[in-house]
Amino acid sequence: MSAKKQNDKNLEKILNIRVSAELAEALEETKWSLRKSISEVVREAVELYLDNNLKGEVKHRVDEILHKQAK
């Protein structure tokens, strides 16, 4: 099984978000530069945001959830 298909199996939730036209354009540009899908770019950005902004017990619980998912 390809890595992409395996990764897709681990993704269980679909979230719909609204962004400004400018952010959508920036994501389009970014996906080509990084050679990733917009979904990958957004997932990585959200994980970085959570890692950099959460503190204390909430950060610990979120870290446990994300590390459990990676296994």
Protein backbone atom coordinates (compact mmCIF):
# COMPACT_ATOMS: atom_id res chain seq x y z
CA MET A 1 0.00 0.00 0.00
CA SER A 2 1.37 3.43 -0.88
CA ALA A 3 2.26 5.91 1.86
CA LYS A 4 -0.46 8.29 0.61
CA LYS A 5 -3.16 5.62 0.82
CA GLN A 6 -1.97 4.63 4.31
CA ASN A 7 -1.99 8.29 5.39
CA ASP A 8 -5.52 8.74 3.99
CA LYS A 9 -6.71 5.79 6.08
CA ASN A 10 -5.51 7.58 9.24
CA LEU A 11 -7.59 10.65 8.40
CA GLU A 12 -11.03 10.21 9.85
CA LYS A 13 -12.51 13.71 10.03
CA ILE A 14 -13.21 16.24 7.33
CA LEU A 15 -13.27 19.86 8.45
CA ASN A 16 -14.63 22.60 6.24
CA ILE A 17 -13.16 26.03 6.85
CA ARG A 18 -13.66 29.46 5.34
CA VAL A 19 -10.65 31.58 4.56
CA SER A 20 -10.15 34.92 2.87
CA ALA A 21 -9.45 35.01 -0.84
CA GLU A 22 -5.93 36.19 0.00
CA LEU A 23 -5.25 33.24 2.31
CA ALA A 24 -6.65 30.82 -0.29
CA GLU A 25 -4.31 32.34 -2.88
CA ALA A 26 -1.37 32.10 -0.47
CA LEU A 27 -2.18 28.43 0.19
CA GLU A 28 -2.32 27.74 -3.55
CA GLU A 29 1.09 29.32 -4.01
CA THR A 30 2.49 27.49 -0.98
CA LYS A 31 1.30 24.06 -2.09
CA TRP A 32 3.26 24.36 -5.33
CA SER A 33 6.35 25.64 -3.58
CA LEU A 34 6.30 22.85 -0.98
CA ARG A 35 4.93 20.19 -3.38
CA LYS A 36 2.24 19.28 -0.89
CA SER A 37 -1.54 19.40 -0.95
CA ILE A 38 -3.35 22.31 0.65
CA SER A 39 -4.67 19.84 3.22
CA GLU A 40 -1.12 18.83 4.16
CA VAL A 41 -0.04 22.47 4.44
CA VAL A 42 -3.01 23.34 6.65
CA ARG A 43 -2.60 20.22 8.86
CA GLU A 44 1.08 21.00 9.43
CA ALA A 45 0.32 24.68 10.12
CA VAL A 46 -2.37 23.82 12.67
CA GLU A 47 -0.10 21.33 14.44
CA LEU A 48 2.68 23.93 14.62
CA TYR A 49 0.24 26.54 15.90
CA LEU A 50 -1.02 24.22 18.64
CA ASP A 51 2.51 23.23 19.61
CA ASN A 52 3.63 26.86 19.84
CA ASN A 53 0.57 28.31 21.58
CA LEU A 54 -0.82 25.77 24.03
CA LYS A 55 0.52 25.57 27.55
CA GLY A 56 0.27 23.37 30.61
CA GLU A 57 -2.16 20.50 30.89
CA VAL A 58 -3.98 21.33 27.65
CA LYS A 59 -0.69 21.16 25.71
CA HIS A 60 0.11 17.83 27.38
CA ARG A 61 -3.29 16.34 26.47
CA VAL A 62 -3.08 17.59 22.87
CA ASP A 63 0.48 16.23 22.54
CA GLU A 64 -0.76 12.83 23.75
CA ILE A 65 -3.61 12.87 21.22
CA LEU A 66 -1.32 13.82 18.32
CA HIS A 67 1.37 11.30 19.24
CA LYS A 68 -1.21 8.54 19.67
CA GLN A 69 -2.54 9.36 16.17
CA ALA A 70 0.96 9.15 14.65
CA LYS A 71 1.43 5.55 15.83
